[in-house]
Amino acid sequence: MENRLKKIAKELRSYDEASLLQLWEKYHDIVKRFEPTQKWEESVLILGIIQSVHWKNQLFNLKWADSKKGKPHPYRKTPAKREEDRGESSQSVEKKKKGTGKVIDFKNSDWNGKNT
């Protein structure tokens, strides 16, 4: 499974973001109108792909700009070391991990920043 995902990721990396974003509106409109069909499910995945490529490019550009400004790359710490630095016990960290997450509301704005 992982090898298949890596193959998909390599292919996605080669896609032109501008061309993908031209399709965003089409698939956003399809996804907004739920239908219990394979076409709708595929449209959700296509919209997710478009958004993923866009997000990846934004993140890449941000990190590239940071590196050009001479900002040091933070060294990677193990989760245990981060907990220790914050003075947290492993039990309190485990409690935090359970049920935490962030919900992103896609109803109020679209990917291009327009309110719907």
C-alpha atoms as a PDB file:
ATOM      1  CA  MET A   1       0.000   0.000   0.000  1.00  0.00           C
ATOM      2  CA  GLU A   2       2.752   2.433   0.954  1.00  0.00           C
ATOM      3  CA  ASN A   3       4.557   1.881  -2.337  1.00  0.00           C
ATOM      4  CA  ARG A   4       1.357   2.612  -4.247  1.00  0.00           C
ATOM      5  CA  LEU A   5       0.907   5.847  -2.285  1.00  0.00           C
ATOM      6  CA  LYS A   6       4.504   6.856  -2.987  1.00  0.00           C
ATOM      7  CA  LYS A   7       3.916   6.260  -6.685  1.00  0.00           C
ATOM      8  CA  ILE A   8       0.788   8.443  -6.588  1.00  0.00           C
ATOM      9  CA  ALA A   9       2.691  11.152  -4.686  1.00  0.00           C
ATOM     10  CA  LYS A  10       5.471  11.192  -7.297  1.00  0.00           C
ATOM     11  CA  GLU A  11       2.900  11.611 -10.039  1.00  0.00           C
ATOM     12  CA  LEU A  12       1.019  14.346  -8.164  1.00  0.00           C
ATOM     13  CA  ARG A  13       4.251  16.235  -7.588  1.00  0.00           C
ATOM     14  CA  SER A  14       4.617  16.644 -11.341  1.00  0.00           C
ATOM     15  CA  TYR A  15       1.168  18.219 -11.850  1.00  0.00           C
ATOM     16  CA  ASP A  16       0.909  21.896 -12.708  1.00  0.00           C
ATOM     17  CA  GLU A  17      -0.885  23.693  -9.902  1.00  0.00           C
ATOM     18  CA  ALA A  18      -2.317  26.402 -12.168  1.00  0.00           C
ATOM     19  CA  SER A  19      -3.972  23.790 -14.382  1.00  0.00           C
ATOM     20  CA  LEU A  20      -5.345  21.987 -11.334  1.00  0.00           C
ATOM     21  CA  LEU A  21      -6.759  25.185  -9.830  1.00  0.00           C
ATOM     22  CA  GLN A  22      -8.704  25.813 -13.049  1.00  0.00           C
ATOM     23  CA  LEU A  23     -10.647  22.656 -12.190  1.00  0.00           C
ATOM     24  CA  TRP A  24     -11.219  23.613  -8.551  1.00  0.00           C
ATOM     25  CA  GLU A  25     -14.518  25.447  -9.091  1.00  0.00           C
ATOM     26  CA  LYS A  26     -15.985  22.586 -11.150  1.00  0.00           C
ATOM     27  CA  TYR A  27     -15.258  19.968  -8.504  1.00  0.00           C
ATOM     28  CA  HIS A  28     -16.177  22.251  -5.624  1.00  0.00           C
ATOM     29  CA  ASP A  29     -19.628  22.714  -7.177  1.00  0.00           C
ATOM     30  CA  ILE A  30     -20.074  18.953  -7.618  1.00  0.00           C
ATOM     31  CA  VAL A  31     -18.981  18.236  -4.041  1.00  0.00           C
ATOM     32  CA  LYS A  32     -21.323  20.904  -2.625  1.00  0.00           C
ATOM     33  CA  ARG A  33     -24.312  19.003  -4.061  1.00  0.00           C
ATOM     34  CA  PHE A  34     -24.131  15.653  -2.316  1.00  0.00           C
ATOM     35  CA  GLU A  35     -25.198  12.608  -4.294  1.00  0.00           C
ATOM     36  CA  PRO A  36     -24.647   9.058  -3.075  1.00  0.00           C
ATOM     37  CA  THR A  37     -22.816   8.148  -6.286  1.00  0.00           C
ATOM     38  CA  GLN A  38     -19.352   7.049  -7.339  1.00  0.00           C
ATOM     39  CA  LYS A  39     -19.075  10.238  -9.404  1.00  0.00           C
ATOM     40  CA  TRP A  40     -19.552  12.343  -6.255  1.00  0.00           C
ATOM     41  CA  GLU A  41     -17.018  10.267  -4.303  1.00  0.00           C
ATOM     42  CA  GLU A  42     -14.475  10.582  -7.107  1.00  0.00           C
ATOM     43  CA  SER A  43     -15.114  14.326  -7.271  1.00  0.00           C
ATOM     44  CA  VAL A  44     -14.394  14.607  -3.534  1.00  0.00           C
ATOM     45  CA  LEU A  45     -11.086  12.821  -4.059  1.00  0.00           C
ATOM     46  CA  ILE A  46     -10.229  15.011  -7.068  1.00  0.00           C
ATOM     47  CA  LEU A  47     -10.995  18.156  -5.053  1.00  0.00           C
ATOM     48  CA  GLY A  48      -8.838  16.788  -2.235  1.00  0.00           C
ATOM     49  CA  ILE A  49      -5.992  16.157  -4.662  1.00  0.00           C
ATOM     50  CA  ILE A  50      -6.230  19.691  -6.031  1.00  0.00           C
ATOM     51  CA  GLN A  51      -6.225  21.112  -2.516  1.00  0.00           C
ATOM     52  CA  SER A  52      -3.353  18.859  -1.445  1.00  0.00           C
ATOM     53  CA  VAL A  53      -1.137  19.943  -4.336  1.00  0.00           C
ATOM     54  CA  HIS A  54      -1.988  23.600  -3.630  1.00  0.00           C
ATOM     55  CA  TRP A  55      -1.281  23.194   0.090  1.00  0.00           C
ATOM     56  CA  LYS A  56       1.990  21.361  -0.612  1.00  0.00           C
ATOM     57  CA  ASN A  57       3.138  24.195  -2.871  1.00  0.00           C
ATOM     58  CA  GLN A  58       2.180  26.849  -0.323  1.00  0.00           C
ATOM     59  CA  LEU A  59       4.068  25.017   2.402  1.00  0.00           C
ATOM     60  CA  PHE A  60       7.061  24.484   0.128  1.00  0.00           C
ATOM     61  CA  ASN A  61       7.153  28.189  -0.780  1.00  0.00           C
ATOM     62  CA  LEU A  62       6.875  29.226   2.862  1.00  0.00           C
ATOM     63  CA  LYS A  63       9.696  26.925   3.931  1.00  0.00           C
ATOM     64  CA  TRP A  64      11.807  27.978   0.929  1.00  0.00           C
ATOM     65  CA  ALA A  65      11.323  31.656   1.812  1.00  0.00           C
ATOM     66  CA  ASP A  66      12.256  30.957   5.431  1.00  0.00           C
ATOM     67  CA  SER A  67      15.428  29.212   4.335  1.00  0.00           C
ATOM     68  CA  LYS A  68      16.360  32.159   2.097  1.00  0.00           C
ATOM     69  CA  LYS A  69      15.904  34.563   5.032  1.00  0.00           C
ATOM     70  CA  GLY A  70      18.497  32.592   6.947  1.00  0.00           C
ATOM     71  CA  LYS A  71      16.044  31.238   9.494  1.00  0.00           C
ATOM     72  CA  PRO A  72      17.575  28.188  11.096  1.00  0.00           C
ATOM     73  CA  HIS A  73      15.790  24.908  10.691  1.00  0.00           C
ATOM     74  CA  PRO A  74      14.701  23.678  14.092  1.00  0.00           C
ATOM     75  CA  TYR A  75      16.306  20.418  15.015  1.00  0.00           C
ATOM     76  CA  ARG A  76      13.972  17.507  15.422  1.00  0.00           C
ATOM     77  CA  LYS A  77      13.269  16.300  18.887  1.00  0.00           C
ATOM     78  CA  THR A  78      11.699  13.019  19.787  1.00  0.00           C
ATOM     79  CA  PRO A  79       8.178  13.262  21.272  1.00  0.00           C
ATOM     80  CA  ALA A  80       9.562  12.159  24.649  1.00  0.00           C
ATOM     81  CA  LYS A  81      12.148  14.970  24.578  1.00  0.00           C
ATOM     82  CA  ARG A  82       9.472  17.571  23.712  1.00  0.00           C
ATOM     83  CA  GLU A  83       7.343  16.356  26.617  1.00  0.00           C
ATOM     84  CA  GLU A  84      10.324  16.531  28.928  1.00  0.00           C
ATOM     85  CA  ASP A  85      11.159  20.072  27.785  1.00  0.00           C
ATOM     86  CA  ARG A  86       7.615  21.175  28.553  1.00  0.00           C
ATOM     87  CA  GLY A  87       7.673  19.437  31.933  1.00  0.00           C
ATOM     88  CA  GLU A  88       4.843  17.100  30.994  1.00  0.00           C
ATOM     89  CA  SER A  89       4.488  13.556  32.162  1.00  0.00           C
ATOM     90  CA  SER A  90       3.825  10.826  29.638  1.00  0.00           C
ATOM     91  CA  GLN A  91       0.386  10.293  31.218  1.00  0.00           C
ATOM     92  CA  SER A  92      -0.702  13.901  30.669  1.00  0.00           C
ATOM     93  CA  VAL A  93       0.547  13.768  27.080  1.00  0.00           C
ATOM     94  CA  GLU A  94      -1.406  10.566  26.415  1.00  0.00           C
ATOM     95  CA  LYS A  95      -4.566  12.231  27.750  1.00  0.00           C
ATOM     96  CA  LYS A  96      -4.020  15.163  25.379  1.00  0.00           C
ATOM     97  CA  LYS A  97      -3.491  12.879  22.385  1.00  0.00           C
ATOM     98  CA  LYS A  98      -6.834  11.154  22.825  1.00  0.00           C
ATOM     99  CA  GLY A  99      -9.639  12.963  21.072  1.00  0.00           C
ATOM    100  CA  THR A 100      -7.667  15.996  19.991  1.00  0.00           C
ATOM    101  CA  GLY A 101      -7.926  17.407  16.534  1.00  0.00           C
ATOM    102  CA  LYS A 102      -8.951  20.408  14.556  1.00  0.00           C
ATOM    103  CA  VAL A 103     -12.104  20.670  12.490  1.00  0.00           C
ATOM    104  CA  ILE A 104     -11.850  22.872   9.429  1.00  0.00           C
ATOM    105  CA  ASP A 105     -15.142  24.411   8.301  1.00  0.00           C
ATOM    106  CA  PHE A 106     -15.417  24.132   4.519  1.00  0.00           C
ATOM    107  CA  LYS A 107     -18.937  25.560   4.443  1.00  0.00           C
ATOM    108  CA  ASN A 108     -18.094  29.213   4.993  1.00  0.00           C
ATOM    109  CA  SER A 109     -15.293  29.795   2.523  1.00  0.00           C
ATOM    110  CA  ASP A 110     -13.919  28.132  -0.517  1.00  0.00           C
ATOM    111  CA  TRP A 111     -10.292  27.377  -1.348  1.00  0.00           C
ATOM    112  CA  ASN A 112      -9.795  30.631  -3.192  1.00  0.00           C
ATOM    113  CA  GLY A 113     -10.802  32.676  -0.147  1.00  0.00           C
ATOM    114  CA  LYS A 114     -14.265  33.680  -1.392  1.00  0.00           C
ATOM    115  CA  ASN A 115     -17.101  33.387   1.087  1.00  0.00           C
ATOM    116  CA  THR A 116     -19.955  31.150   0.053  1.00  0.00           C
END
